[in-house]
C-alpha atoms as a PDB file:
ATOM      1  CA  MET A   1      76.568 114.765  81.812  1.00  0.00           C
ATOM      2  CA  PRO A   2      77.142 110.577  81.884  1.00  0.00           C
ATOM      3  CA  LYS A   3      77.147 108.753  84.995  1.00  0.00           C
ATOM      4  CA  MET A   4      79.831 108.218  86.793  1.00  0.00           C
ATOM      5  CA  LYS A   5      81.007 104.374  86.174  1.00  0.00           C
ATOM      6  CA  THR A   6      81.750 102.145  89.630  1.00  0.00           C
ATOM      7  CA  HIS A   7      85.444 101.179  89.256  1.00  0.00           C
ATOM      8  CA  LYS A   8      84.973  97.528  89.550  1.00  0.00           C
ATOM      9  CA  ALA A   9      88.436  95.849  90.368  1.00  0.00           C
ATOM     10  CA  ILE A  10      88.172  98.612  93.225  1.00  0.00           C
ATOM     11  CA  ALA A  11      84.891  97.797  94.468  1.00  0.00           C
ATOM     12  CA  LYS A  12      85.496  94.008  94.833  1.00  0.00           C
ATOM     13  CA  ARG A  13      89.017  94.775  96.562  1.00  0.00           C
ATOM     14  CA  PHE A  14      87.728  97.604  99.417  1.00  0.00           C
ATOM     15  CA  LYS A  15      84.417  98.194 101.611  1.00  0.00           C
ATOM     16  CA  VAL A  16      83.117 101.159 102.782  1.00  0.00           C
ATOM     17  CA  THR A  17      81.316 101.074 106.147  1.00  0.00           C
ATOM     18  CA  LYS A  18      78.355 102.611 107.960  1.00  0.00           C
ATOM     19  CA  THR A  19      80.624 105.425 109.552  1.00  0.00           C
ATOM     20  CA  GLY A  20      82.503 106.231 106.229  1.00  0.00           C
ATOM     21  CA  LYS A  21      85.693 104.123 107.039  1.00  0.00           C
ATOM     22  CA  VAL A  22      87.509 102.219 103.933  1.00  0.00           C
ATOM     23  CA  LEU A  23      88.387  98.671 104.431  1.00  0.00           C
ATOM     24  CA  LYS A  24      90.804  96.462 102.650  1.00  0.00           C
ATOM     25  CA  CYS A  25      91.604  92.490 102.978  1.00  0.00           C
ATOM     26  CA  THR A  26      94.904  91.810 103.813  1.00  0.00           C
ATOM     27  CA  ASP A  27      97.089  90.904 101.569  1.00  0.00           C
ATOM     28  CA  GLY A  28      99.451  87.654 101.199  1.00  0.00           C
ATOM     29  CA  ARG A  29      96.701  85.397 103.004  1.00  0.00           C
ATOM     30  CA  GLY A  30      96.840  82.882  99.805  1.00  0.00           C
ATOM     31  CA  HIS A  31      99.582  80.575 101.030  1.00  0.00           C
ATOM     32  CA  PHE A  32     102.977  80.434 101.965  1.00  0.00           C
ATOM     33  CA  ASN A  33     101.825  81.068 105.095  1.00  0.00           C
ATOM     34  CA  ALA A  34     103.234  78.092 107.605  1.00  0.00           C
ATOM     35  CA  ARG A  35     107.012  80.235 107.687  1.00  0.00           C
ATOM     36  CA  GLU A  36     104.808  83.424 109.114  1.00  0.00           C
ATOM     37  CA  THR A  37     105.100  83.657 112.900  1.00  0.00           C
ATOM     38  CA  GLY A  38     101.902  82.841 114.595  1.00  0.00           C
ATOM     39  CA  LYS A  39     100.799  87.010 115.326  1.00  0.00           C
ATOM     40  CA  VAL A  40     101.839  87.671 111.959  1.00  0.00           C
ATOM     41  CA  ARG A  41      99.354  85.170 110.792  1.00  0.00           C
ATOM     42  CA  ARG A  42      97.032  86.153 113.888  1.00  0.00           C
ATOM     43  CA  ASN A  43      97.130  89.893 112.068  1.00  0.00           C
ATOM     44  CA  LYS A  44      96.466  89.176 108.282  1.00  0.00           C
ATOM     45  CA  ARG A  45      92.684  87.833 109.811  1.00  0.00           C
ATOM     46  CA  ARG A  46      91.774  91.208 109.915  1.00  0.00           C
ATOM     47  CA  ASP A  47      90.892  93.750 107.225  1.00  0.00           C
ATOM     48  CA  LYS A  48      93.209  96.914 107.746  1.00  0.00           C
ATOM     49  CA  THR A  49      91.828 100.538 107.225  1.00  0.00           C
ATOM     50  CA  MET A  50      93.406 102.342 104.704  1.00  0.00           C
ATOM     51  CA  SER A  51      94.765 106.087 105.181  1.00  0.00           C
ATOM     52  CA  THR A  52      92.857 109.290 104.567  1.00  0.00           C
ATOM     53  CA  THR A  53      94.700 109.913 101.974  1.00  0.00           C
ATOM     54  CA  LEU A  54      93.740 107.239  99.655  1.00  0.00           C
ATOM     55  CA  LYS A  55      90.463 107.167 101.375  1.00  0.00           C
ATOM     56  CA  GLN A  56      89.323 110.016  99.084  1.00  0.00           C
ATOM     57  CA  THR A  57      90.491 108.599  95.581  1.00  0.00           C
ATOM     58  CA  ILE A  58      89.025 105.022  96.804  1.00  0.00           C
ATOM     59  CA  VAL A  59      85.040 106.363  97.731  1.00  0.00           C
ATOM     60  CA  ARG A  60      85.341 108.541  94.734  1.00  0.00           C
ATOM     61  CA  ALA A  61      85.985 105.505  92.473  1.00  0.00           C
ATOM     62  CA  ILE A  62      83.199 103.232  94.207  1.00  0.00           C
ATOM     63  CA  SER A  63      80.808 105.734  94.309  1.00  0.00           C
ATOM     64  CA  LYS A  64      77.766 105.169  91.237  1.00  0.00           C
END
């Protein structure tokens, strides 16, 4: 059976931590942020943790 190929689009967007959590950069950070409140802009600086339902799919696509 051939090797599983890494899904490159998913690999660029998600990161799997050492403990197994899946992190994703917050979307909507490029421009038009002046209209956002300070609270929203601060929260966009953090990476988001993906839900456990999506985690299994993402890890399977990233694993080589």
